């Protein structure tokens, strides 16, 4: 057999062996790719994404799309060949497995956490939108979580409204920890609360809850710093002057907050924010309208452009990484607040795109 043929055969066999090895060698990586985008002004599974009742709404046009990222599951074992392909592909990103599932977090735990963040982002989006329109929003402090096997278990419940601690009125969630922290472990602290069921009934009736009750709880010593604790997490709860429902399933995380808030503003104001243009975007939002960074920005811009978006609302802190690889035909608009986003939408609607604050790599 000629030497050249032998060399080619040996090379081919070696390549096959390497490919086979690559298929069976697992690597500690996961993959992120563009997920579906949803128009917050439109419908999902046959019903409007944003449903507002008890307040006049106005017709909208165009798109204000929220964007998502697909990720491989916590139990998925990526092989070397898939990792190399992902590194070379334009429409996917390979990242260390622990980036998506830190501390051995299971897929179920990650899904639950994402669902909770998604629910909180909806409340923040509603509050930010209404405050942007100078519509009053009432805020109260509630029990967000009761930790298992802690003193408050069975005495306080999620949704209980915290009116006072030791007779001192509570104005913000952080007040609760400060007031409890004034005690020494094993001392009693008194919570003045409105039970969750009474608060919910009053809210449904459009009234303020009447009456409250005092609950004494014996504190215990925190394992980390020795301070007194009862084992709850307090958080804000907002009461809106009309009903806003966000109907979107199978989505998690906080990154749709900005686009939900813009969709709500659009429906509550005359005219169209987009002027009929296709705008997509991402970003967390707090109750005061500040836009925060998110993960997977590169995949979200690709997904938005694939869906037809011309403009992409980009959190300022994500601008540098997003601008490193901008899909053709997509303009990245830099935003820090909901007010920034509205002003940029005014420019897009009026055709003044030269004045848009755009993302750059510098």
Protein backbone atom coordinates (compact mmCIF):
# COMPACT_ATOMS: atom_id res chain seq x y z
CA UNK A 1 0.00 0.00 0.00
CA UNK A 2 1.48 3.39 -0.99
CA UNK A 3 2.84 5.52 1.88
CA UNK A 4 0.50 8.41 1.01
CA UNK A 5 -2.55 6.15 1.28
CA UNK A 6 -1.34 4.75 4.58
CA UNK A 7 -0.82 8.28 5.94
CA UNK A 8 -4.31 9.40 4.84
CA UNK A 9 -5.90 6.29 6.31
CA UNK A 10 -4.07 6.75 9.60
CA UNK A 11 -5.09 10.41 9.74
CA UNK A 12 -8.71 9.53 9.03
CA UNK A 13 -8.77 6.86 11.71
CA UNK A 14 -7.19 9.27 14.20
CA UNK A 15 -9.80 11.93 13.37
CA UNK A 16 -12.60 9.41 13.85
CA UNK A 17 -11.08 8.35 17.17
CA UNK A 18 -10.85 11.97 18.33
CA UNK A 19 -14.46 12.64 17.34
CA UNK A 20 -15.62 9.54 19.16
CA UNK A 21 -13.67 10.55 22.22
CA UNK A 22 -15.15 14.05 22.05
CA UNK A 23 -18.67 12.63 22.02
CA UNK A 24 -18.07 10.58 25.16
CA UNK A 25 -16.00 13.13 27.12
CA UNK A 26 -18.26 15.33 29.25
CA UNK A 27 -17.17 18.87 30.07
CA UNK A 28 -18.43 21.18 32.89
CA UNK A 29 -20.14 23.66 30.60
CA UNK A 30 -23.66 24.73 29.66
CA UNK A 31 -25.05 26.49 26.62
CA UNK A 32 -27.08 29.67 26.24
CA UNK A 33 -28.97 30.46 23.02
CA UNK A 34 -31.63 32.95 21.89
CA UNK A 35 -35.07 32.24 23.32
CA UNK A 36 -38.48 33.43 22.11
CA UNK A 37 -39.48 37.09 22.21
CA UNK A 38 -42.97 38.25 23.20
CA UNK A 39 -44.67 41.52 22.34
CA UNK A 40 -45.91 43.00 25.62
CA UNK A 41 -48.48 44.94 23.57
CA UNK A 42 -49.77 41.78 21.92
CA UNK A 43 -51.02 38.34 22.86
CA UNK A 44 -49.54 35.11 24.14
CA UNK A 45 -51.44 31.84 23.85
CA UNK A 46 -54.57 33.65 22.71
CA UNK A 47 -54.89 36.30 25.42
CA UNK A 48 -53.42 39.79 25.90
CA UNK A 49 -50.12 39.84 27.75
CA UNK A 50 -51.10 43.03 29.60
CA UNK A 51 -54.66 43.21 30.91
CA UNK A 52 -55.80 46.44 32.58
CA UNK A 53 -59.25 46.96 34.09
CA UNK A 54 -60.72 49.82 36.11
CA UNK A 55 -58.83 52.47 34.16
CA UNK A 56 -59.17 53.87 30.64
CA UNK A 57 -56.71 52.36 28.15
CA UNK A 58 -55.72 53.40 24.64
CA UNK A 59 -54.96 51.55 21.38
CA UNK A 60 -51.32 50.67 20.77
CA UNK A 61 -49.29 49.73 17.71
CA UNK A 62 -45.88 48.31 16.90
CA UNK A 63 -43.84 46.11 19.20
CA UNK A 64 -42.35 46.38 22.68
CA UNK A 65 -40.89 42.90 22.88
CA UNK A 66 -39.39 41.31 25.97
CA UNK A 67 -36.62 38.83 25.18
CA UNK A 68 -35.49 35.54 26.68
CA UNK A 69 -32.56 33.14 26.70
CA UNK A 70 -32.66 29.35 26.45
CA UNK A 71 -30.24 27.41 28.65
CA UNK A 72 -29.40 23.74 28.91
CA UNK A 73 -30.74 21.99 31.99
CA UNK A 74 -28.83 21.47 35.22
CA UNK A 75 -28.58 17.71 34.59
CA UNK A 76 -27.57 18.01 30.95
CA UNK A 77 -24.09 16.64 30.29
CA UNK A 78 -22.39 18.56 27.50
CA UNK A 79 -19.73 16.70 25.57
CA UNK A 80 -16.54 18.14 24.15
CA UNK A 81 -17.81 18.23 20.55
CA UNK A 82 -20.92 20.22 21.57
CA UNK A 83 -18.78 22.63 23.58
CA UNK A 84 -16.42 23.29 20.66
CA UNK A 85 -19.37 23.78 18.30
CA UNK A 86 -20.97 26.20 20.77
CA UNK A 87 -17.75 28.20 21.11
CA UNK A 88 -17.55 28.57 17.32
CA UNK A 89 -21.25 29.29 16.71
CA UNK A 90 -22.51 32.86 16.42
CA UNK A 91 -25.94 32.23 17.92
CA UNK A 92 -24.96 30.46 21.14
CA UNK A 93 -22.63 30.95 24.09
CA UNK A 94 -20.90 28.26 26.13
CA UNK A 95 -20.39 29.17 29.78
CA UNK A 96 -19.19 27.27 32.87
CA UNK A 97 -22.01 25.14 34.28
CA UNK A 98 -21.64 26.80 37.71
CA UNK A 99 -22.44 30.18 36.16
CA UNK A 100 -26.02 29.05 35.55
CA UNK A 101 -26.34 26.62 38.45
CA UNK A 102 -24.09 27.82 41.30
CA UNK A 103 -23.49 25.79 44.46
CA UNK A 104 -24.95 22.64 42.95
CA UNK A 105 -28.36 24.24 42.47
CA UNK A 106 -30.83 21.85 40.84
CA UNK A 107 -32.94 22.70 37.81
CA UNK A 108 -36.05 22.63 40.00
CA UNK A 109 -34.51 25.07 42.48
CA UNK A 110 -33.39 27.35 39.65
CA UNK A 111 -36.88 27.28 38.10
CA UNK A 112 -38.49 28.17 41.43
CA UNK A 113 -36.06 31.03 41.99
CA UNK A 114 -36.67 32.34 38.47
CA UNK A 115 -40.44 32.18 39.00
CA UNK A 116 -40.16 34.22 42.20
CA UNK A 117 -37.94 36.80 40.49
CA UNK A 118 -40.38 37.00 37.57
CA UNK A 119 -43.29 37.63 39.93
CA UNK A 120 -41.37 40.35 41.77
CA UNK A 121 -40.33 41.96 38.49
CA UNK A 122 -43.98 42.26 37.49
CA UNK A 123 -44.81 44.13 40.69
CA UNK A 124 -41.82 46.43 40.21
CA UNK A 125 -42.79 47.05 36.58
CA UNK A 126 -46.34 48.01 37.54
CA UNK A 127 -45.12 50.34 40.27
CA UNK A 128 -42.47 51.96 38.06
CA UNK A 129 -44.97 52.52 35.23
CA UNK A 130 -47.60 54.11 37.45
CA UNK A 131 -45.07 56.31 39.22
CA UNK A 132 -43.73 57.40 35.83
CA UNK A 133 -47.28 58.55 35.03
CA UNK A 134 -47.70 60.18 38.46
CA UNK A 135 -50.43 57.71 39.41
CA UNK A 136 -50.38 57.16 43.21
CA UNK A 137 -49.26 53.73 44.42
CA UNK A 138 -49.64 52.70 48.04
CA UNK A 139 -46.81 50.69 49.58
CA UNK A 140 -46.88 48.57 52.71
CA UNK A 141 -44.43 46.21 54.40
CA UNK A 142 -45.32 42.52 54.44
CA UNK A 143 -43.82 39.21 55.47
CA UNK A 144 -42.27 37.87 52.27
CA UNK A 145 -40.86 34.62 53.64
CA UNK A 146 -41.00 32.67 56.89
CA UNK A 147 -37.94 30.48 57.36
CA UNK A 148 -38.45 26.87 58.37
CA UNK A 149 -37.63 25.86 61.96
CA UNK A 150 -37.26 29.47 63.08
CA UNK A 151 -39.16 31.25 65.90
CA UNK A 152 -41.65 32.97 63.56
CA UNK A 153 -42.77 29.71 61.94
CA UNK A 154 -46.47 29.17 62.67
CA UNK A 155 -46.87 32.66 64.14
CA UNK A 156 -46.26 34.88 61.13
CA UNK A 157 -47.22 33.99 57.56
CA UNK A 158 -46.28 35.19 54.09
CA UNK A 159 -48.50 38.13 53.17
CA UNK A 160 -49.06 39.35 56.74
CA UNK A 161 -48.87 43.15 56.79
CA UNK A 162 -46.36 44.42 59.38
CA UNK A 163 -47.71 47.62 60.90
CA UNK A 164 -45.24 47.97 63.78
CA UNK A 165 -42.49 46.26 65.76
CA UNK A 166 -42.52 46.88 69.52
CA UNK A 167 -44.96 49.69 68.92
CA UNK A 168 -42.71 51.52 66.46
CA UNK A 169 -44.38 52.03 63.08
CA UNK A 170 -42.72 50.25 60.16
CA UNK A 171 -42.26 52.32 57.00
CA UNK A 172 -39.82 50.20 54.97
CA UNK A 173 -38.74 46.52 54.92
CA UNK A 174 -35.32 47.33 56.36
CA UNK A 175 -36.99 48.84 59.45
CA UNK A 176 -38.04 45.37 60.56
CA UNK A 177 -34.51 43.96 60.80
CA UNK A 178 -33.29 47.10 62.57
CA UNK A 179 -36.00 46.94 65.21
CA UNK A 180 -35.59 43.20 65.81
CA UNK A 181 -31.82 43.71 65.94
CA UNK A 182 -32.18 46.01 68.95
CA UNK A 183 -33.02 42.94 71.00
CA UNK A 184 -30.70 40.35 72.47
CA UNK A 185 -31.24 36.68 71.55
CA UNK A 186 -34.00 34.99 73.66
CA UNK A 187 -35.77 38.33 74.25
CA UNK A 188 -39.32 38.78 73.05
CA UNK A 189 -40.25 41.09 70.18
CA UNK A 190 -43.83 42.12 69.47
CA UNK A 191 -45.12 42.35 65.89
CA UNK A 192 -48.30 44.30 65.17
CA UNK A 193 -49.75 42.76 62.03
CA UNK A 194 -52.79 42.52 59.81
CA UNK A 195 -53.16 38.83 58.86
CA UNK A 196 -52.70 38.10 55.16
CA UNK A 197 -56.28 36.87 54.69
CA UNK A 198 -57.74 40.05 56.23
CA UNK A 199 -55.44 42.27 54.17
CA UNK A 200 -56.37 40.42 50.96
CA UNK A 201 -60.10 40.65 51.71
CA UNK A 202 -59.85 44.38 52.38
CA UNK A 203 -57.86 44.96 49.20
CA UNK A 204 -60.41 43.03 47.14
CA UNK A 205 -63.17 45.20 48.60
CA UNK A 206 -61.17 48.35 47.89
CA UNK A 207 -60.91 49.23 51.55
CA UNK A 208 -58.23 49.63 54.19
CA UNK A 209 -57.97 46.64 56.55
CA UNK A 210 -59.64 47.28 59.91
CA UNK A 211 -58.00 46.05 63.09
CA UNK A 212 -54.70 44.37 63.83
CA UNK A 213 -53.22 41.92 66.32
CA UNK A 214 -50.06 41.74 68.38
CA UNK A 215 -47.89 38.63 68.21
CA UNK A 216 -44.97 38.09 70.59
CA UNK A 217 -42.05 36.04 69.31
CA UNK A 218 -38.96 34.96 71.24
CA UNK A 219 -35.83 35.74 69.24
CA UNK A 220 -32.94 33.36 68.72
CA UNK A 221 -29.23 33.84 68.04
CA UNK A 222 -28.07 34.05 64.44
CA UNK A 223 -25.37 31.51 63.63
CA UNK A 224 -23.23 33.90 61.59
CA UNK A 225 -23.04 37.10 63.61
CA UNK A 226 -24.87 36.37 66.87
CA UNK A 227 -27.58 38.97 66.38
CA UNK A 228 -31.20 38.40 67.38
CA UNK A 229 -33.58 37.10 64.71
CA UNK A 230 -37.06 35.66 64.33
CA UNK A 231 -36.62 34.05 60.91
CA UNK A 232 -38.57 36.17 58.44
CA UNK A 233 -37.79 38.25 55.40
CA UNK A 234 -39.77 41.46 55.03
CA UNK A 235 -40.52 43.04 51.68
CA UNK A 236 -42.65 45.72 50.00
CA UNK A 237 -46.17 45.10 48.75
CA UNK A 238 -47.91 47.59 46.53
CA UNK A 239 -51.59 48.41 46.24
CA UNK A 240 -52.65 49.77 42.86
CA UNK A 241 -55.70 51.98 42.20
CA UNK A 242 -56.84 49.62 39.41
CA UNK A 243 -56.07 46.10 38.22
CA UNK A 244 -53.05 45.24 36.09
CA UNK A 245 -52.54 41.57 35.18
CA UNK A 246 -49.54 40.23 33.29
CA UNK A 247 -50.48 36.96 31.58
CA UNK A 248 -47.32 35.19 30.50
CA UNK A 249 -46.40 31.62 31.39
CA UNK A 250 -43.20 29.61 31.07
CA UNK A 251 -40.96 32.65 31.59
CA UNK A 252 -38.71 33.30 34.57
CA UNK A 253 -36.23 35.79 35.94
CA UNK A 254 -36.41 39.56 36.43
CA UNK A 255 -35.16 40.78 33.04
CA UNK A 256 -38.55 41.58 31.44
CA UNK A 257 -39.28 44.36 33.94
CA UNK A 258 -38.38 47.29 31.68
CA UNK A 259 -40.44 46.08 28.73
CA UNK A 260 -43.47 45.30 30.91
CA UNK A 261 -43.35 48.80 32.38
CA UNK A 262 -43.13 50.40 28.92
CA UNK A 263 -46.05 48.29 27.72
CA UNK A 264 -48.15 49.44 30.68
CA UNK A 265 -47.25 53.09 30.05
CA UNK A 266 -48.18 52.70 26.37
CA UNK A 267 -51.60 51.26 27.18
CA UNK A 268 -52.37 53.97 29.74
CA UNK A 269 -51.43 56.96 27.55
CA UNK A 270 -52.93 58.29 24.29
CA UNK A 271 -51.01 57.60 21.07
CA UNK A 272 -48.36 55.01 20.38
CA UNK A 273 -44.98 54.98 22.14
CA UNK A 274 -43.33 53.19 19.22
CA UNK A 275 -45.06 54.90 16.32
CA UNK A 276 -45.57 51.41 14.88
CA UNK A 277 -41.86 50.50 15.00
CA UNK A 278 -40.50 47.14 16.17
CA UNK A 279 -38.68 47.76 19.46
CA UNK A 280 -37.36 45.02 21.73
CA UNK A 281 -35.33 45.18 24.89
CA UNK A 282 -34.41 43.84 28.28
CA UNK A 283 -33.48 44.99 31.76
CA UNK A 284 -34.58 44.68 35.35
CA UNK A 285 -36.48 47.59 36.82
CA UNK A 286 -36.99 48.71 40.39
CA UNK A 287 -40.08 50.43 41.76
CA UNK A 288 -38.48 53.85 41.15
CA UNK A 289 -37.86 53.15 37.46
CA UNK A 290 -34.13 52.42 37.56
CA UNK A 291 -33.04 49.90 34.91
CA UNK A 292 -30.53 47.22 35.92
CA UNK A 293 -28.26 44.80 34.02
CA UNK A 294 -29.15 41.24 33.01
CA UNK A 295 -27.38 38.10 31.79
CA UNK A 296 -27.23 36.69 28.26
CA UNK A 297 -27.37 40.07 26.54
CA UNK A 298 -25.65 38.80 23.37
CA UNK A 299 -28.25 36.07 22.93
CA UNK A 300 -31.10 38.47 23.53
CA UNK A 301 -29.96 40.89 20.83
CA UNK A 302 -29.65 38.01 18.36
CA UNK A 303 -33.12 36.73 19.27
CA UNK A 304 -34.60 40.22 18.95
CA UNK A 305 -33.11 40.79 15.52
CA UNK A 306 -34.20 37.36 14.34
CA UNK A 307 -37.74 38.30 15.35
CA UNK A 308 -37.55 41.52 13.31
CA UNK A 309 -36.58 44.17 15.87
CA UNK A 310 -34.92 47.36 14.61
CA UNK A 311 -34.17 48.90 18.03
CA UNK A 312 -33.10 47.27 21.28
CA UNK A 313 -33.48 48.92 24.70
CA UNK A 314 -30.20 48.00 26.43
CA UNK A 315 -29.35 48.50 30.12
CA UNK A 316 -26.42 50.91 30.36
CA UNK A 317 -24.35 48.39 32.33
CA UNK A 318 -24.73 45.83 29.52
CA UNK A 319 -23.84 48.24 26.73
CA UNK A 320 -20.14 47.42 26.32
CA UNK A 321 -20.64 43.66 26.03
CA UNK A 322 -23.71 44.07 23.80
CA UNK A 323 -21.89 46.47 21.47
CA UNK A 324 -19.03 44.01 20.95
CA UNK A 325 -21.16 42.03 18.48
CA UNK A 326 -24.24 43.92 17.27
CA UNK A 327 -26.49 42.00 14.87
CA UNK A 328 -26.78 43.69 11.46
CA UNK A 329 -29.73 46.06 11.26
CA UNK A 330 -30.18 46.44 15.03
CA UNK A 331 -29.64 49.70 16.91
CA UNK A 332 -28.73 49.35 20.60
CA UNK A 333 -30.33 52.12 22.65
CA UNK A 334 -28.69 52.84 26.01
CA UNK A 335 -31.11 53.26 28.95
CA UNK A 336 -30.64 53.87 32.66
CA UNK A 337 -34.25 54.60 33.66
CA UNK A 338 -37.77 54.17 32.35
CA UNK A 339 -37.75 57.90 31.63
CA UNK A 340 -34.66 57.41 29.41
CA UNK A 341 -36.51 54.70 27.54
CA UNK A 342 -39.58 56.89 26.99
CA UNK A 343 -37.48 59.76 25.66
CA UNK A 344 -35.71 57.40 23.26
CA UNK A 345 -39.05 56.02 22.09
CA UNK A 346 -40.14 59.61 21.39
CA UNK A 347 -37.10 59.99 19.11
CA UNK A 348 -37.77 56.66 17.38
CA UNK A 349 -41.40 57.59 16.81
CA UNK A 350 -40.45 61.01 15.43
CA UNK A 351 -37.64 59.64 13.23
CA UNK A 352 -34.91 61.48 15.15
CA UNK A 353 -32.71 58.39 15.41
CA UNK A 354 -29.48 60.37 15.10
CA UNK A 355 -30.16 61.70 18.58
CA UNK A 356 -30.50 58.28 20.21
CA UNK A 357 -28.05 57.39 23.01
CA UNK A 358 -26.41 54.32 21.49
CA UNK A 359 -24.23 51.62 23.04
CA UNK A 360 -20.54 51.62 22.13
CA UNK A 361 -17.56 49.47 23.06
CA UNK A 362 -15.68 52.47 24.47
